[in-house]
Amino acid sequence: MRYPDEQLRANHRPANLIPPGIHPGDVVVIQAPQPSVAGRILLTLTITAGTALVIVVLAYAFQTMAAAAAAAVPTVGGVGVSLNLARKR
């Protein structure tokens, strides 16, 4: 047995849990349930989804600013600028 809770599940009662003068067979050891990990998993998924959403919003905002800047350059300086967003293979 590697862990103390395995000893308790196997009905082995440690001496420090048995009060003096009490027969070991009369002692009932109550264990607390394992903590739930659902909250941690939900928090991790929420953080991951939020981070992905922020990245998408920033990429869209950057694309919009770049297009606006490319459209504004000819009116300011008289120079044409084009954005080449074609995929390279």
N, C-alpha and C. Protein backbone atom coordinates (compact mmCIF):
# COMPACT_ATOMS: atom_id res chain seq x y z
N MET A 1 0.84 -1.17 0.00
CA MET A 1 0.00 0.00 0.00
C MET A 1 0.88 1.23 0.00
N ARG A 2 0.64 2.08 -0.98
CA ARG A 2 1.51 3.25 -1.13
C ARG A 2 1.01 4.48 -0.38
N TYR A 3 -0.29 4.63 -0.29
CA TYR A 3 -0.83 5.86 0.28
C TYR A 3 -1.65 5.54 1.54
N PRO A 4 -1.72 6.48 2.48
CA PRO A 4 -2.47 6.24 3.72
C PRO A 4 -3.95 5.98 3.48
N ASP A 5 -4.54 6.60 2.45
CA ASP A 5 -5.96 6.37 2.22
C ASP A 5 -6.22 4.94 1.75
N GLU A 6 -5.24 4.30 1.12
CA GLU A 6 -5.39 2.89 0.76
C GLU A 6 -5.45 2.03 2.02
N GLN A 7 -4.70 2.39 3.03
CA GLN A 7 -4.75 1.66 4.29
C GLN A 7 -6.13 1.78 4.93
N LEU A 8 -6.70 2.99 4.89
CA LEU A 8 -8.02 3.18 5.49
C LEU A 8 -9.09 2.43 4.69
N ARG A 9 -8.96 2.42 3.34
CA ARG A 9 -9.93 1.69 2.52
C ARG A 9 -9.84 0.18 2.77
N ALA A 10 -8.64 -0.29 3.11
CA ALA A 10 -8.46 -1.72 3.39
C ALA A 10 -8.86 -2.06 4.82
N ASN A 11 -9.44 -1.10 5.52
CA ASN A 11 -9.92 -1.27 6.90
C ASN A 11 -8.78 -1.41 7.90
N HIS A 12 -7.61 -0.90 7.57
CA HIS A 12 -6.50 -0.84 8.52
C HIS A 12 -6.58 0.50 9.22
N ARG A 13 -6.71 0.47 10.51
CA ARG A 13 -6.85 1.70 11.27
C ARG A 13 -5.52 2.07 11.92
N PRO A 14 -4.98 3.24 11.60
CA PRO A 14 -3.74 3.67 12.26
C PRO A 14 -3.97 3.88 13.75
N ALA A 15 -2.95 3.62 14.52
CA ALA A 15 -3.05 3.69 15.99
C ALA A 15 -3.39 5.09 16.47
N ASN A 16 -2.96 6.12 15.73
CA ASN A 16 -3.24 7.48 16.20
C ASN A 16 -4.71 7.87 16.01
N LEU A 17 -5.48 7.09 15.23
CA LEU A 17 -6.90 7.39 15.07
C LEU A 17 -7.77 6.65 16.09
N ILE A 18 -7.19 5.71 16.81
CA ILE A 18 -7.96 4.92 17.78
C ILE A 18 -7.75 5.52 19.17
N PRO A 19 -8.83 5.96 19.82
CA PRO A 19 -8.69 6.52 21.16
C PRO A 19 -8.21 5.45 22.14
N PRO A 20 -7.50 5.85 23.19
CA PRO A 20 -7.04 4.87 24.17
C PRO A 20 -8.21 4.19 24.88
N GLY A 21 -8.07 2.88 25.08
CA GLY A 21 -9.08 2.13 25.80
C GLY A 21 -10.24 1.66 24.93
N ILE A 22 -10.20 1.90 23.63
CA ILE A 22 -11.28 1.50 22.74
C ILE A 22 -10.79 0.31 21.90
N HIS A 23 -11.66 -0.67 21.72
CA HIS A 23 -11.32 -1.83 20.90
C HIS A 23 -11.25 -1.40 19.42
N PRO A 24 -10.19 -1.80 18.71
CA PRO A 24 -10.05 -1.36 17.31
C PRO A 24 -11.22 -1.76 16.41
N GLY A 25 -11.92 -2.83 16.74
CA GLY A 25 -13.06 -3.23 15.91
C GLY A 25 -14.27 -2.32 16.08
N ASP A 26 -14.29 -1.51 17.13
CA ASP A 26 -15.42 -0.61 17.38
C ASP A 26 -15.23 0.77 16.75
N VAL A 27 -14.07 1.00 16.15
CA VAL A 27 -13.77 2.31 15.59
C VAL A 27 -14.20 2.35 14.13
N VAL A 28 -14.90 3.40 13.76
CA VAL A 28 -15.29 3.63 12.37
C VAL A 28 -14.54 4.87 11.88
N VAL A 29 -13.77 4.70 10.82
CA VAL A 29 -13.01 5.81 10.26
C VAL A 29 -13.79 6.35 9.07
N ILE A 30 -14.11 7.64 9.11
CA ILE A 30 -14.87 8.28 8.04
C ILE A 30 -13.89 9.10 7.19
N GLN A 31 -13.97 8.87 5.89
CA GLN A 31 -13.08 9.58 4.98
C GLN A 31 -13.83 10.68 4.25
N ALA A 32 -13.15 11.77 4.01
CA ALA A 32 -13.73 12.85 3.21
C ALA A 32 -13.66 12.46 1.74
N PRO A 33 -14.64 12.86 0.95
CA PRO A 33 -14.59 12.53 -0.48
C PRO A 33 -13.47 13.29 -1.19
N GLN A 34 -13.05 12.76 -2.31
CA GLN A 34 -12.00 13.41 -3.09
C GLN A 34 -12.53 14.74 -3.62
N PRO A 35 -11.70 15.77 -3.69
CA PRO A 35 -12.17 17.06 -4.22
C PRO A 35 -12.48 16.94 -5.71
N SER A 36 -13.47 17.70 -6.12
CA SER A 36 -13.88 17.68 -7.52
C SER A 36 -12.90 18.50 -8.36
N VAL A 37 -12.59 18.02 -9.55
CA VAL A 37 -11.69 18.74 -10.45
C VAL A 37 -12.47 19.43 -11.56
N ALA A 38 -13.80 19.38 -11.50
CA ALA A 38 -14.62 19.99 -12.55
C ALA A 38 -14.39 21.50 -12.61
N GLY A 39 -14.23 22.14 -11.47
CA GLY A 39 -14.00 23.58 -11.45
C GLY A 39 -12.69 23.97 -12.11
N ARG A 40 -11.65 23.19 -11.85
CA ARG A 40 -10.35 23.48 -12.45
C ARG A 40 -10.39 23.28 -13.96
N ILE A 41 -11.07 22.22 -14.39
CA ILE A 41 -11.17 21.95 -15.82
C ILE A 41 -11.96 23.07 -16.51
N LEU A 42 -13.07 23.48 -15.91
CA LEU A 42 -13.87 24.54 -16.49
C LEU A 42 -13.10 25.86 -16.54
N LEU A 43 -12.33 26.15 -15.51
CA LEU A 43 -11.51 27.36 -15.50
C LEU A 43 -10.47 27.32 -16.60
N THR A 44 -9.82 26.17 -16.80
CA THR A 44 -8.82 26.04 -17.84
C THR A 44 -9.44 26.22 -19.23
N LEU A 45 -10.61 25.61 -19.44
CA LEU A 45 -11.28 25.77 -20.74
C LEU A 45 -11.71 27.21 -20.98
N THR A 46 -12.17 27.88 -19.94
CA THR A 46 -12.59 29.28 -20.07
C THR A 46 -11.40 30.17 -20.41
N ILE A 47 -10.28 29.96 -19.74
CA ILE A 47 -9.09 30.76 -20.02
C ILE A 47 -8.60 30.52 -21.44
N THR A 48 -8.60 29.26 -21.87
CA THR A 48 -8.15 28.93 -23.22
C THR A 48 -9.06 29.55 -24.27
N ALA A 49 -10.37 29.45 -24.09
CA ALA A 49 -11.30 30.04 -25.04
C ALA A 49 -11.19 31.56 -25.05
N GLY A 50 -11.03 32.16 -23.89
CA GLY A 50 -10.87 33.61 -23.81
C GLY A 50 -9.62 34.09 -24.50
N THR A 51 -8.53 33.35 -24.31
CA THR A 51 -7.27 33.72 -24.98
C THR A 51 -7.40 33.61 -26.49
N ALA A 52 -8.04 32.54 -26.96
CA ALA A 52 -8.23 32.38 -28.41
C ALA A 52 -9.11 33.50 -28.96
N LEU A 53 -10.15 33.88 -28.22
CA LEU A 53 -11.02 34.96 -28.67
C LEU A 53 -10.28 36.28 -28.74
N VAL A 54 -9.45 36.57 -27.76
CA VAL A 54 -8.66 37.81 -27.76
C VAL A 54 -7.71 37.83 -28.95
N ILE A 55 -7.09 36.70 -29.27
CA ILE A 55 -6.16 36.65 -30.40
C ILE A 55 -6.91 36.89 -31.71
N VAL A 56 -8.09 36.29 -31.85
CA VAL A 56 -8.87 36.50 -33.08
C VAL A 56 -9.30 37.95 -33.21
N VAL A 57 -9.75 38.56 -32.12
CA VAL A 57 -10.18 39.96 -32.16
C VAL A 57 -9.00 40.87 -32.49
N LEU A 58 -7.83 40.61 -31.91
CA LEU A 58 -6.66 41.43 -32.22
C LEU A 58 -6.23 41.27 -33.67
N ALA A 59 -6.30 40.05 -34.20
CA ALA A 59 -5.95 39.83 -35.61
C ALA A 59 -6.90 40.57 -36.53
N TYR A 60 -8.21 40.54 -36.21
CA TYR A 60 -9.19 41.25 -37.02
C TYR A 60 -8.97 42.76 -36.94
N ALA A 61 -8.69 43.27 -35.74
CA ALA A 61 -8.45 44.70 -35.58
C ALA A 61 -7.19 45.13 -36.33
N PHE A 62 -6.15 44.31 -36.29
CA PHE A 62 -4.92 44.64 -37.02
C PHE A 62 -5.18 44.66 -38.52
N GLN A 63 -5.95 43.70 -39.01
CA GLN A 63 -6.27 43.64 -40.43
C GLN A 63 -7.06 44.88 -40.84
N THR A 64 -8.02 45.28 -40.02
CA THR A 64 -8.83 46.46 -40.31
C THR A 64 -7.98 47.72 -40.31
N MET A 65 -7.07 47.84 -39.33
CA MET A 65 -6.20 49.02 -39.28
C MET A 65 -5.26 49.06 -40.47
N ALA A 66 -4.74 47.91 -40.89
CA ALA A 66 -3.85 47.89 -42.04
C ALA A 66 -4.59 48.27 -43.31
N ALA A 67 -5.81 47.79 -43.48
CA ALA A 67 -6.59 48.16 -44.66
C ALA A 67 -6.94 49.64 -44.65
N ALA A 68 -7.27 50.17 -43.47
CA ALA A 68 -7.59 51.59 -43.36
C ALA A 68 -6.36 52.44 -43.65
N ALA A 69 -5.21 52.01 -43.18
CA ALA A 69 -3.97 52.75 -43.44
C ALA A 69 -3.63 52.71 -44.93
N ALA A 70 -3.83 51.56 -45.56
CA ALA A 70 -3.55 51.46 -46.99
C ALA A 70 -4.50 52.32 -47.81
N ALA A 71 -5.74 52.47 -47.34
CA ALA A 71 -6.69 53.32 -48.05
C ALA A 71 -6.43 54.79 -47.79
N ALA A 72 -5.84 55.13 -46.65
CA ALA A 72 -5.61 56.53 -46.31
C ALA A 72 -4.33 57.08 -46.91
N VAL A 73 -3.37 56.24 -47.23
CA VAL A 73 -2.08 56.72 -47.74
C VAL A 73 -2.23 57.49 -49.06
N PRO A 74 -3.03 57.03 -50.03
CA PRO A 74 -3.13 57.81 -51.28
C PRO A 74 -3.73 59.20 -51.07
N THR A 75 -4.61 59.36 -50.11
CA THR A 75 -5.21 60.67 -49.90
C THR A 75 -4.25 61.63 -49.20
N VAL A 76 -3.32 61.09 -48.44
CA VAL A 76 -2.40 61.94 -47.69
C VAL A 76 -1.19 62.32 -48.53
N GLY A 77 -0.54 61.33 -49.11
CA GLY A 77 0.70 61.62 -49.79
C GLY A 77 0.63 61.48 -51.30
N GLY A 78 -0.46 61.01 -51.82
CA GLY A 78 -0.58 60.84 -53.25
C GLY A 78 0.13 59.60 -53.77
N VAL A 79 0.55 58.72 -52.90
CA VAL A 79 1.25 57.50 -53.28
C VAL A 79 0.29 56.33 -53.10
N GLY A 80 0.28 55.42 -54.06
CA GLY A 80 -0.60 54.26 -53.96
C GLY A 80 0.10 53.13 -53.21
N VAL A 81 -0.62 52.49 -52.31
CA VAL A 81 -0.10 51.35 -51.56
C VAL A 81 -1.15 50.24 -51.68
N SER A 82 -0.70 49.07 -52.01
CA SER A 82 -1.63 47.95 -52.07
C SER A 82 -1.14 46.84 -51.16
N LEU A 83 -2.07 46.16 -50.55
CA LEU A 83 -1.74 45.05 -49.68
C LEU A 83 -1.93 43.77 -50.48
N ASN A 84 -0.90 42.96 -50.52
CA ASN A 84 -0.97 41.69 -51.23
C ASN A 84 -1.16 40.59 -50.19
N LEU A 85 -2.37 40.09 -50.11
CA LEU A 85 -2.69 39.08 -49.12
C LEU A 85 -2.85 37.70 -49.76
N ALA A 86 -2.32 37.54 -50.97
CA ALA A 86 -2.46 36.25 -51.66
C ALA A 86 -1.61 35.21 -50.96
N ARG A 87 -2.09 33.96 -51.02
CA ARG A 87 -1.36 32.86 -50.41
C ARG A 87 -0.20 32.45 -51.31
N LYS A 88 0.90 32.18 -50.71
CA LYS A 88 2.07 31.71 -51.45
C LYS A 88 2.15 30.19 -51.26
N ARG A 89 2.34 29.49 -52.36
CA ARG A 89 2.41 28.02 -52.29
C ARG A 89 3.83 27.54 -52.30
